[in-house]
Amino acid sequence: MKILVQAKNMKITKAIQSFVETKATRTVAKVGRGVTKVKVYLENVARKKNDPEGAKAKIEIDVPGRKTVLVEGKSFDPYQAISKALRAGERRLRKIKEKSIGH
């Protein structure tokens, strides 16, 4: 599985890179074995100093033979935004898996 991290208006540190890799591999290991690529787009969109949704994480999960799963998470902290988006991706992958098993 390939994990790609890109950022706009912020710098990708080794800590963010390792956080994304561990969370993404854990999430995919739980739900989807057929995932080939995970793309994470980070953006700092703080309009004001006390903006509660200053960081945004968009995650694109490629599943072969199915549609690409797109999820988004917003939070004050980029780590929380990544976590929210990965939880949403996990729910969506589980839903796709249960639909395929049910049919």
Protein backbone atom coordinates (compact mmCIF):
# COMPACT_ATOMS: atom_id res chain seq x y z
CA MET A 1 0.00 0.00 0.00
CA LYS A 2 1.28 3.42 -0.99
CA ILE A 3 0.78 6.42 1.31
CA LEU A 4 1.24 9.91 -0.10
CA VAL A 5 1.11 13.06 2.05
CA GLN A 6 0.87 16.54 0.53
CA ALA A 7 0.32 19.90 2.20
CA LYS A 8 -0.73 23.42 1.30
CA ASN A 9 0.18 26.41 3.49
CA MET A 10 2.07 24.21 5.95
CA LYS A 11 5.17 22.05 6.19
CA ILE A 12 5.06 18.25 6.42
CA THR A 13 7.22 17.16 9.32
CA LYS A 14 8.51 13.67 10.01
CA ALA A 15 6.06 13.47 12.92
CA ILE A 16 3.06 14.18 10.68
CA GLN A 17 4.35 11.73 8.06
CA SER A 18 4.82 8.92 10.59
CA PHE A 19 1.45 9.70 12.25
CA VAL A 20 -0.35 9.42 8.90
CA GLU A 21 1.47 6.19 8.01
CA THR A 22 0.69 4.43 11.30
CA LYS A 23 -2.96 5.57 11.45
CA ALA A 24 -3.61 4.77 7.78
CA THR A 25 -2.06 1.29 7.94
CA ARG A 26 -4.01 0.52 11.13
CA THR A 27 -7.27 1.71 9.61
CA VAL A 28 -6.79 -0.21 6.38
CA ALA A 29 -5.70 -3.35 8.24
CA LYS A 30 -8.98 -3.29 10.19
CA VAL A 31 -11.32 -2.89 7.24
CA GLY A 32 -10.01 -3.02 3.71
CA ARG A 33 -7.40 -5.42 2.50
CA GLY A 34 -7.73 -4.37 -1.13
CA VAL A 35 -6.61 -0.77 -0.68
CA THR A 36 -3.72 0.12 -3.00
CA LYS A 37 -3.15 3.82 -2.33
CA VAL A 38 -3.96 6.43 0.31
CA LYS A 39 -3.48 10.11 -0.52
CA VAL A 40 -3.64 12.68 2.27
CA TYR A 41 -3.99 16.38 1.47
CA LEU A 42 -3.43 18.75 4.41
CA GLU A 43 -4.35 22.41 4.37
CA ASN A 44 -4.17 25.18 6.93
CA VAL A 45 -7.28 27.33 6.35
CA ALA A 46 -7.37 29.45 9.50
CA ARG A 47 -9.20 32.66 8.73
CA LYS A 48 -9.00 33.95 12.27
CA LYS A 49 -6.71 33.19 15.17
CA ASN A 50 -9.43 31.38 17.15
CA ASP A 51 -11.01 29.55 14.20
CA PRO A 52 -12.22 26.14 15.50
CA GLU A 53 -11.68 24.50 12.12
CA GLY A 54 -8.27 25.84 11.16
CA ALA A 55 -6.84 22.63 9.67
CA LYS A 56 -8.41 20.49 6.97
CA ALA A 57 -7.43 16.97 5.91
CA LYS A 58 -8.79 15.40 2.73
CA ILE A 59 -8.12 11.71 2.27
CA GLU A 60 -8.50 9.78 -0.97
CA ILE A 61 -8.50 5.99 -0.64
CA ASP A 62 -8.10 3.96 -3.83
CA VAL A 63 -9.85 0.60 -3.83
CA PRO A 64 -9.40 -1.39 -7.06
CA GLY A 65 -12.63 -2.33 -8.78
CA ARG A 66 -14.63 0.22 -6.79
CA LYS A 67 -15.05 3.96 -6.64
CA THR A 68 -12.40 6.07 -4.97
CA VAL A 69 -13.37 6.89 -1.39
CA LEU A 70 -13.06 10.61 -0.59
CA VAL A 71 -13.38 11.84 3.01
CA GLU A 72 -12.65 15.09 4.80
CA GLY A 73 -11.92 16.09 8.37
CA LYS A 74 -11.71 19.55 9.90
CA SER A 75 -10.32 20.54 13.28
CA PHE A 76 -8.15 23.08 15.06
CA ASP A 77 -5.20 20.68 15.08
CA PRO A 78 -3.94 18.91 11.91
CA TYR A 79 -3.51 15.64 13.84
CA GLN A 80 -7.16 15.70 14.92
CA ALA A 81 -8.25 16.55 11.37
CA ILE A 82 -6.32 13.54 10.07
CA SER A 83 -7.87 11.29 12.75
CA LYS A 84 -11.40 12.49 11.95
CA ALA A 85 -10.91 11.93 8.24
CA LEU A 86 -9.46 8.45 8.77
CA ARG A 87 -12.38 7.47 11.02
CA ALA A 88 -14.78 8.61 8.31
CA GLY A 89 -12.79 6.63 5.75
CA GLU A 90 -12.91 3.55 7.98
CA ARG A 91 -16.70 3.82 8.25
CA ARG A 92 -17.04 4.20 4.49
CA LEU A 93 -14.71 1.26 3.77
CA ARG A 94 -16.62 -0.92 6.25
CA LYS A 95 -19.88 0.01 4.52
CA ILE A 96 -18.46 -0.94 1.12
CA LYS A 97 -17.15 -4.24 2.51
CA GLU A 98 -20.46 -5.14 4.17
CA LYS A 99 -22.38 -4.35 0.97
CA SER A 100 -20.14 -6.62 -1.08
CA ILE A 101 -20.43 -9.47 1.46
CA GLY A 102 -24.21 -9.06 1.73
CA HIS A 103 -24.77 -9.37 -2.01
